[in-house]
PDB file of N, CA and C in Angstrom:
ATOM      1  N   MET A   1      18.633-168.831 105.844  1.00  0.00           N
ATOM      2  CA  MET A   1      19.214-167.907 105.379  1.00  0.00           C
ATOM      3  C   MET A   1      18.968-168.206 103.755  1.00  0.00           C
ATOM      4  N   ASN A   2      18.913-166.879 103.050  1.00  0.00           N
ATOM      5  CA  ASN A   2      18.482-167.194 101.756  1.00  0.00           C
ATOM      6  C   ASN A   2      19.459-167.391 100.513  1.00  0.00           C
ATOM      7  N   GLY A   3      20.664-167.621 101.286  1.00  0.00           N
ATOM      8  CA  GLY A   3      21.702-167.957 100.344  1.00  0.00           C
ATOM      9  C   GLY A   3      22.433-166.738  99.921  1.00  0.00           C
ATOM     10  N   THR A   4      21.829-165.445  99.715  1.00  0.00           N
ATOM     11  CA  THR A   4      22.562-164.051  99.802  1.00  0.00           C
ATOM     12  C   THR A   4      24.021-164.202 100.351  1.00  0.00           C
ATOM     13  N   VAL A   5      25.185-163.983  99.597  1.00  0.00           N
ATOM     14  CA  VAL A   5      26.473-163.730 100.317  1.00  0.00           C
ATOM     15  C   VAL A   5      26.378-162.218 100.875  1.00  0.00           C
ATOM     16  N   ARG A   6      26.579-161.971 101.887  1.00  0.00           N
ATOM     17  CA  ARG A   6      26.787-160.766 102.562  1.00  0.00           C
ATOM     18  C   ARG A   6      28.189-160.420 102.465  1.00  0.00           C
ATOM     19  N   SER A   7      28.287-158.999 102.193  1.00  0.00           N
ATOM     20  CA  SER A   7      29.659-158.158 102.178  1.00  0.00           C
ATOM     21  C   SER A   7      30.100-157.900 103.515  1.00  0.00           C
ATOM     22  N   PRO A   8      31.074-157.969 104.183  1.00  0.00           N
ATOM     23  CA  PRO A   8      31.557-157.429 105.753  1.00  0.00           C
ATOM     24  C   PRO A   8      31.790-156.205 105.533  1.00  0.00           C
ATOM     25  N   LYS A   9      31.990-155.698 104.166  1.00  0.00           N
ATOM     26  CA  LYS A   9      32.435-154.190 104.057  1.00  0.00           C
ATOM     27  C   LYS A   9      31.225-153.391 104.284  1.00  0.00           C
ATOM     28  N   PHE A  10      29.664-153.872 104.102  1.00  0.00           N
ATOM     29  CA  PHE A  10      28.737-152.943 104.228  1.00  0.00           C
ATOM     30  C   PHE A  10      28.177-153.184 105.664  1.00  0.00           C
ATOM     31  N   GLU A  11      28.555-154.618 106.204  1.00  0.00           N
ATOM     32  CA  GLU A  11      28.116-154.712 107.397  1.00  0.00           C
ATOM     33  C   GLU A  11      29.120-153.401 108.555  1.00  0.00           C
ATOM     34  N   ALA A  12      30.259-153.463 108.286  1.00  0.00           N
ATOM     35  CA  ALA A  12      31.107-152.299 108.997  1.00  0.00           C
ATOM     36  C   ALA A  12      30.651-150.965 108.596  1.00  0.00           C
ATOM     37  N   THR A  13      30.288-150.518 107.544  1.00  0.00           N
ATOM     38  CA  THR A  13      29.956-148.948 107.214  1.00  0.00           C
ATOM     39  C   THR A  13      28.945-148.627 108.060  1.00  0.00           C
ATOM     40  N   ALA A  14      29.442-147.378 108.752  1.00  0.00           N
ATOM     41  CA  ALA A  14      28.296-146.477 109.648  1.00  0.00           C
ATOM     42  C   ALA A  14      27.939-145.246 108.722  1.00  0.00           C
ATOM     43  N   LEU A  15      26.556-145.132 108.373  1.00  0.00           N
ATOM     44  CA  LEU A  15      26.019-144.052 107.880  1.00  0.00           C
ATOM     45  C   LEU A  15      25.911-142.957 108.785  1.00  0.00           C
ATOM     46  N   GLN A  16      25.790-141.634 107.948  1.00  0.00           N
ATOM     47  CA  GLN A  16      25.763-140.516 109.200  1.00  0.00           C
ATOM     48  C   GLN A  16      24.463-139.880 108.253  1.00  0.00           C
ATOM     49  N   ILE A  17      23.555-139.394 109.238  1.00  0.00           N
ATOM     50  CA  ILE A  17      22.612-138.493 109.277  1.00  0.00           C
ATOM     51  C   ILE A  17      23.171-137.197 109.129  1.00  0.00           C
ATOM     52  N   ARG A  18      22.690-136.664 107.794  1.00  0.00           N
ATOM     53  CA  ARG A  18      23.513-135.276 107.631  1.00  0.00           C
ATOM     54  C   ARG A  18      22.151-134.272 107.118  1.00  0.00           C
ATOM     55  N   LYS A  19      22.342-132.917 107.240  1.00  0.00           N
ATOM     56  CA  LYS A  19      21.535-131.885 107.005  1.00  0.00           C
ATOM     57  C   LYS A  19      21.468-131.517 105.415  1.00  0.00           C
ATOM     58  N   ILE A  20      20.533-131.650 104.782  1.00  0.00           N
ATOM     59  CA  ILE A  20      20.435-131.562 103.301  1.00  0.00           C
ATOM     60  C   ILE A  20      19.222-130.810 103.067  1.00  0.00           C
ATOM     61  N   GLY A  21      19.703-129.313 103.173  1.00  0.00           N
ATOM     62  CA  GLY A  21      18.836-128.157 102.985  1.00  0.00           C
ATOM     63  C   GLY A  21      18.078-127.819 104.084  1.00  0.00           C
ATOM     64  N   ASN A  22      16.501-127.936 104.021  1.00  0.00           N
ATOM     65  CA  ASN A  22      15.776-128.088 105.372  1.00  0.00           C
ATOM     66  C   ASN A  22      15.540-129.280 105.679  1.00  0.00           C
ATOM     67  N   SER A  23      15.992-130.352 105.407  1.00  0.00           N
ATOM     68  CA  SER A  23      15.925-131.513 105.492  1.00  0.00           C
ATOM     69  C   SER A  23      17.051-132.404 106.299  1.00  0.00           C
ATOM     70  N   VAL A  24      16.761-133.797 106.514  1.00  0.00           N
ATOM     71  CA  VAL A  24      18.104-134.434 106.814  1.00  0.00           C
ATOM     72  C   VAL A  24      18.031-135.782 105.874  1.00  0.00           C
ATOM     73  N   GLY A  25      18.990-136.152 105.775  1.00  0.00           N
ATOM     74  CA  GLY A  25      19.295-137.399 104.949  1.00  0.00           C
ATOM     75  C   GLY A  25      20.354-138.475 105.321  1.00  0.00           C
ATOM     76  N   VAL A  26      20.564-139.350 104.324  1.00  0.00           N
ATOM     77  CA  VAL A  26      21.469-140.359 104.691  1.00  0.00           C
ATOM     78  C   VAL A  26      22.280-140.563 103.243  1.00  0.00           C
ATOM     79  N   ILE A  27      23.389-140.426 103.191  1.00  0.00           N
ATOM     80  CA  ILE A  27      24.303-140.733 102.038  1.00  0.00           C
ATOM     81  C   ILE A  27      24.641-142.119 102.119  1.00  0.00           C
ATOM     82  N   LEU A  28      24.188-142.899 100.799  1.00  0.00           N
ATOM     83  CA  LEU A  28      24.566-144.306 100.527  1.00  0.00           C
ATOM     84  C   LEU A  28      26.088-144.170  99.556  1.00  0.00           C
ATOM     85  N   PRO A  29      26.541-145.124  99.993  1.00  0.00           N
ATOM     86  CA  PRO A  29      28.095-145.512  99.107  1.00  0.00           C
ATOM     87  C   PRO A  29      27.592-145.998  97.896  1.00  0.00           C
ATOM     88  N   LYS A  30      28.303-145.219  96.841  1.00  0.00           N
ATOM     89  CA  LYS A  30      27.909-145.948  95.355  1.00  0.00           C
ATOM     90  C   LYS A  30      27.882-147.564  95.135  1.00  0.00           C
ATOM     91  N   GLU A  31      28.702-148.173  96.151  1.00  0.00           N
ATOM     92  CA  GLU A  31      28.693-149.530  95.867  1.00  0.00           C
ATOM     93  C   GLU A  31      27.372-150.296  96.765  1.00  0.00           C
ATOM     94  N   LEU A  32      26.754-149.622  97.270  1.00  0.00           N
ATOM     95  CA  LEU A  32      25.657-149.900  98.248  1.00  0.00           C
ATOM     96  C   LEU A  32      24.490-149.818  97.407  1.00  0.00           C
ATOM     97  N   LEU A  33      24.653-148.545  96.539  1.00  0.00           N
ATOM     98  CA  LEU A  33      23.520-148.355  95.463  1.00  0.00           C
ATOM     99  C   LEU A  33      23.462-149.570  94.541  1.00  0.00           C
ATOM    100  N   ALA A  34      24.938-149.856  93.989  1.00  0.00           N
ATOM    101  CA  ALA A  34      24.940-150.656  92.876  1.00  0.00           C
ATOM    102  C   ALA A  34      24.193-152.301  93.582  1.00  0.00           C
ATOM    103  N   ARG A  35      24.372-152.451  94.609  1.00  0.00           N
ATOM    104  CA  ARG A  35      24.207-153.730  95.198  1.00  0.00           C
ATOM    105  C   ARG A  35      22.492-153.781  95.560  1.00  0.00           C
ATOM    106  N   LEU A  36      22.071-152.606  95.649  1.00  0.00           N
ATOM    107  CA  LEU A  36      20.398-152.676  95.586  1.00  0.00           C
ATOM    108  C   LEU A  36      19.907-152.217  94.388  1.00  0.00           C
ATOM    109  N   ASN A  37      20.826-151.888  93.414  1.00  0.00           N
ATOM    110  CA  ASN A  37      20.468-151.756  91.779  1.00  0.00           C
ATOM    111  C   ASN A  37      19.393-150.652  91.931  1.00  0.00           C
ATOM    112  N   LEU A  38      19.955-149.823  92.712  1.00  0.00           N
ATOM    113  CA  LEU A  38      19.344-148.303  92.775  1.00  0.00           C
ATOM    114  C   LEU A  38      20.019-147.073  92.221  1.00  0.00           C
ATOM    115  N   LYS A  39      19.605-146.159  91.518  1.00  0.00           N
ATOM    116  CA  LYS A  39      20.439-145.084  91.059  1.00  0.00           C
ATOM    117  C   LYS A  39      19.420-143.669  91.523  1.00  0.00           C
ATOM    118  N   GLU A  40      20.101-142.436  91.438  1.00  0.00           N
ATOM    119  CA  GLU A  40      19.596-141.335  91.982  1.00  0.00           C
ATOM    120  C   GLU A  40      17.933-141.381  91.432  1.00  0.00           C
ATOM    121  N   GLY A  41      17.056-140.870  92.434  1.00  0.00           N
ATOM    122  CA  GLY A  41      15.859-140.523  92.217  1.00  0.00           C
ATOM    123  C   GLY A  41      14.938-141.855  92.273  1.00  0.00           C
ATOM    124  N   ASP A  42      15.459-143.165  92.522  1.00  0.00           N
ATOM    125  CA  ASP A  42      14.885-144.273  92.613  1.00  0.00           C
ATOM    126  C   ASP A  42      14.292-144.088  93.668  1.00  0.00           C
ATOM    127  N   LYS A  43      13.141-145.065  94.473  1.00  0.00           N
ATOM    128  CA  LYS A  43      12.812-145.327  95.769  1.00  0.00           C
ATOM    129  C   LYS A  43      13.532-146.404  96.313  1.00  0.00           C
ATOM    130  N   PHE A  44      13.429-146.393  97.716  1.00  0.00           N
ATOM    131  CA  PHE A  44      13.568-147.885  98.035  1.00  0.00           C
ATOM    132  C   PHE A  44      12.812-147.976  99.603  1.00  0.00           C
ATOM    133  N   TYR A  45      12.610-149.102 100.129  1.00  0.00           N
ATOM    134  CA  TYR A  45      11.712-148.947 101.270  1.00  0.00           C
ATOM    135  C   TYR A  45      12.453-149.667 102.657  1.00  0.00           C
ATOM    136  N   PRO A  46      12.465-148.898 103.532  1.00  0.00           N
ATOM    137  CA  PRO A  46      12.958-149.505 104.952  1.00  0.00           C
ATOM    138  C   PRO A  46      11.507-150.342 105.436  1.00  0.00           C
ATOM    139  N   VAL A  47      12.153-151.396 105.906  1.00  0.00           N
ATOM    140  CA  VAL A  47      11.057-152.668 106.239  1.00  0.00           C
ATOM    141  C   VAL A  47      11.803-153.011 107.743  1.00  0.00           C
ATOM    142  N   GLU A  48      10.859-152.814 108.531  1.00  0.00           N
ATOM    143  CA  GLU A  48      11.279-153.037 110.028  1.00  0.00           C
ATOM    144  C   GLU A  48      11.099-154.559 110.164  1.00  0.00           C
ATOM    145  N   GLN A  49      12.152-155.265 110.514  1.00  0.00           N
ATOM    146  CA  GLN A  49      11.950-156.723 110.984  1.00  0.00           C
ATOM    147  C   GLN A  49      11.787-157.145 112.540  1.00  0.00           C
ATOM    148  N   PRO A  50      11.236-157.932 112.600  1.00  0.00           N
ATOM    149  CA  PRO A  50      10.924-158.387 114.050  1.00  0.00           C
ATOM    150  C   PRO A  50      11.853-158.345 115.246  1.00  0.00           C
ATOM    151  N   ASP A  51      13.154-158.415 114.932  1.00  0.00           N
ATOM    152  CA  ASP A  51      13.797-158.193 115.794  1.00  0.00           C
ATOM    153  C   ASP A  51      14.604-156.637 116.307  1.00  0.00           C
ATOM    154  N   GLY A  52      13.748-155.810 115.417  1.00  0.00           N
ATOM    155  CA  GLY A  52      13.714-154.497 115.405  1.00  0.00           C
ATOM    156  C   GLY A  52      14.682-153.568 114.480  1.00  0.00           C
ATOM    157  N   SER A  53      15.479-154.235 113.836  1.00  0.00           N
ATOM    158  CA  SER A  53      16.335-154.276 112.600  1.00  0.00           C
ATOM    159  C   SER A  53      15.598-153.530 111.457  1.00  0.00           C
ATOM    160  N   LEU A  54      16.258-153.252 110.444  1.00  0.00           N
ATOM    161  CA  LEU A  54      15.532-152.547 109.299  1.00  0.00           C
ATOM    162  C   LEU A  54      16.189-153.053 108.130  1.00  0.00           C
ATOM    163  N   ARG A  55      15.591-153.339 107.051  1.00  0.00           N
ATOM    164  CA  ARG A  55      16.274-153.931 106.133  1.00  0.00           C
ATOM    165  C   ARG A  55      15.752-152.909 104.829  1.00  0.00           C
ATOM    166  N   LEU A  56      16.847-152.565 103.764  1.00  0.00           N
ATOM    167  CA  LEU A  56      16.461-151.793 102.780  1.00  0.00           C
ATOM    168  C   LEU A  56      16.023-152.769 101.855  1.00  0.00           C
ATOM    169  N   SER A  57      14.757-152.276 101.067  1.00  0.00           N
ATOM    170  CA  SER A  57      14.418-152.948 100.038  1.00  0.00           C
ATOM    171  C   SER A  57      13.953-152.079  98.503  1.00  0.00           C
ATOM    172  N   PRO A  58      14.336-152.369  97.502  1.00  0.00           N
ATOM    173  CA  PRO A  58      13.607-151.475  96.476  1.00  0.00           C
ATOM    174  C   PRO A  58      12.309-152.144  95.680  1.00  0.00           C
ATOM    175  N   PHE A  59      11.765-153.093  96.929  1.00  0.00           N
ATOM    176  CA  PHE A  59      10.599-153.685  96.503  1.00  0.00           C
ATOM    177  C   PHE A  59       9.455-152.864  97.202  1.00  0.00           C
ATOM    178  N   ASN A  60       8.537-152.439  97.036  1.00  0.00           N
ATOM    179  CA  ASN A  60       7.440-151.976  98.159  1.00  0.00           C
ATOM    180  C   ASN A  60       6.580-153.206  99.140  1.00  0.00           C
ATOM    181  N   PRO A  61       6.674-153.542  99.896  1.00  0.00           N
ATOM    182  CA  PRO A  61       6.139-154.603 101.062  1.00  0.00           C
ATOM    183  C   PRO A  61       4.769-154.658 100.701  1.00  0.00           C
ATOM    184  N   LYS A  62       3.799-153.212 100.674  1.00  0.00           N
ATOM    185  CA  LYS A  62       2.690-153.182 100.774  1.00  0.00           C
ATOM    186  C   LYS A  62       2.124-153.878  99.588  1.00  0.00           C
ATOM    187  N   HIS A  63       2.744-153.130  98.590  1.00  0.00           N
ATOM    188  CA  HIS A  63       2.566-153.553  96.802  1.00  0.00           C
ATOM    189  C   HIS A  63       2.656-154.992  97.029  1.00  0.00           C
ATOM    190  N   ALA A  64       3.612-155.548  97.305  1.00  0.00           N
ATOM    191  CA  ALA A  64       3.577-157.133  97.268  1.00  0.00           C
ATOM    192  C   ALA A  64       2.302-158.063  97.939  1.00  0.00           C
ATOM    193  N   ARG A  65       2.367-157.289  99.043  1.00  0.00           N
ATOM    194  CA  ARG A  65       0.957-158.040  99.650  1.00  0.00           C
ATOM    195  C   ARG A  65      -0.239-158.008  99.033  1.00  0.00           C
ATOM    196  N   THR A  66      -0.350-156.530  98.301  1.00  0.00           N
ATOM    197  CA  THR A  66      -1.861-156.332  97.869  1.00  0.00           C
ATOM    198  C   THR A  66      -2.032-157.262  96.210  1.00  0.00           C
ATOM    199  N   MET A  67      -0.467-157.703  95.678  1.00  0.00           N
ATOM    200  CA  MET A  67      -0.670-158.098  94.880  1.00  0.00           C
ATOM    201  C   MET A  67      -0.762-159.632  94.879  1.00  0.00           C
ATOM    202  N   GLU A  68      -0.334-160.022  95.948  1.00  0.00           N
ATOM    203  CA  GLU A  68      -0.621-161.506  96.458  1.00  0.00           C
ATOM    204  C   GLU A  68      -2.011-161.693  96.768  1.00  0.00           C
ATOM    205  N   ILE A  69      -3.070-160.835  97.306  1.00  0.00           N
ATOM    206  CA  ILE A  69      -4.626-160.904  97.780  1.00  0.00           C
ATOM    207  C   ILE A  69      -5.001-160.882  96.236  1.00  0.00           C
ATOM    208  N   ALA A  70      -4.414-160.141  95.342  1.00  0.00           N
ATOM    209  CA  ALA A  70      -5.491-159.986  94.328  1.00  0.00           C
ATOM    210  C   ALA A  70      -5.191-161.320  93.365  1.00  0.00           C
ATOM    211  N   ARG A  71      -3.759-161.949  93.372  1.00  0.00           N
ATOM    212  CA  ARG A  71      -3.871-163.332  92.912  1.00  0.00           C
ATOM    213  C   ARG A  71      -4.530-164.433  93.279  1.00  0.00           C
ATOM    214  N   LYS A  72      -4.560-164.251  94.701  1.00  0.00           N
ATOM    215  CA  LYS A  72      -5.829-165.121  95.597  1.00  0.00           C
ATOM    216  C   LYS A  72      -7.145-165.175  94.932  1.00  0.00           C
ATOM    217  N   VAL A  73      -7.432-163.548  94.866  1.00  0.00           N
ATOM    218  CA  VAL A  73      -9.323-163.522  94.345  1.00  0.00           C
ATOM    219  C   VAL A  73      -8.857-163.901  92.707  1.00  0.00           C
ATOM    220  N   MET A  74      -8.193-163.814  91.887  1.00  0.00           N
ATOM    221  CA  MET A  74      -8.537-163.691  90.821  1.00  0.00           C
ATOM    222  C   MET A  74      -8.102-165.390  90.270  1.00  0.00           C
ATOM    223  N   HIS A  75      -7.971-166.259  91.505  1.00  0.00           N
ATOM    224  CA  HIS A  75      -7.529-167.533  91.086  1.00  0.00           C
ATOM    225  C   HIS A  75      -8.838-168.078  91.765  1.00  0.00           C
ATOM    226  N   GLU A  76      -9.388-167.762  92.677  1.00  0.00           N
ATOM    227  CA  GLU A  76     -10.513-167.905  93.630  1.00  0.00           C
ATOM    228  C   GLU A  76     -11.796-167.840  92.186  1.00  0.00           C
ATOM    229  N   TYR A  77     -11.995-166.650  91.695  1.00  0.00           N
ATOM    230  CA  TYR A  77     -12.883-166.379  90.622  1.00  0.00           C
ATOM    231  C   TYR A  77     -12.873-166.424  89.193  1.00  0.00           C
ATOM    232  N   ARG A  78     -11.379-167.297  89.032  1.00  0.00           N
ATOM    233  CA  ARG A  78     -11.367-167.491  87.621  1.00  0.00           C
ATOM    234  C   ARG A  78     -12.327-167.788  86.489  1.00  0.00           C
ATOM    235  N   ASP A  79     -13.283-168.610  86.869  1.00  0.00           N
ATOM    236  CA  ASP A  79     -14.427-169.075  86.137  1.00  0.00           C
ATOM    237  C   ASP A  79     -15.234-167.738  85.900  1.00  0.00           C
ATOM    238  N   THR A  80     -15.513-167.299  86.534  1.00  0.00           N
ATOM    239  CA  THR A  80     -16.190-165.777  86.469  1.00  0.00           C
ATOM    240  C   THR A  80     -15.449-164.889  85.733  1.00  0.00           C
ATOM    241  N   PHE A  81     -14.466-164.799  85.871  1.00  0.00           N
ATOM    242  CA  PHE A  81     -13.525-163.875  85.051  1.00  0.00           C
ATOM    243  C   PHE A  81     -13.576-164.418  83.594  1.00  0.00           C
ATOM    244  N   ALA A  82     -13.578-165.507  83.417  1.00  0.00           N
ATOM    245  CA  ALA A  82     -13.236-166.319  82.094  1.00  0.00           C
ATOM    246  C   ALA A  82     -14.717-166.102  81.521  1.00  0.00           C
ATOM    247  N   ALA A  83     -15.761-166.088  82.420  1.00  0.00           N
ATOM    248  CA  ALA A  83     -17.237-165.987  81.775  1.00  0.00           C
ATOM    249  C   ALA A  83     -17.436-164.635  81.217  1.00  0.00           C
ATOM    250  N   LEU A  84     -16.719-163.650  82.152  1.00  0.00           N
ATOM    251  CA  LEU A  84     -17.060-162.090  81.728  1.00  0.00           C
ATOM    252  C   LEU A  84     -16.082-161.739  80.633  1.00  0.00           C
ATOM    253  N   ALA A  85     -15.214-162.294  80.370  1.00  0.00           N
ATOM    254  CA  ALA A  85     -14.330-161.978  79.373  1.00  0.00           C
ATOM    255  C   ALA A  85     -14.738-162.688  77.995  1.00  0.00           C
ATOM    256  N   LYS A  86     -15.347-163.350  78.006  1.00  0.00           N
ATOM    257  CA  LYS A  86     -15.990-163.772  76.530  1.00  0.00           C
ATOM    258  C   LYS A  86     -16.818-162.712  75.932  1.00  0.00           C
TER     259      LYS A  86
END
């Protein structure tokens, strides 16, 4: 466990899929939005977990993986980049 304190209030909250115009959506309680540090118009990403559950995250996991690869490449070729920067 990562040390995050879970609120039983959110674990017991059922979200309902509702029709919104020609689409469907889920209304998130304002307390959950505050906990995720999200506001109207922000994006968040559902991340499927190995056990089949979903985790909601304000961080794009694909972007995080791309940045991890970029950091490895920059570290591996740091001398080349330093020479090119001169």
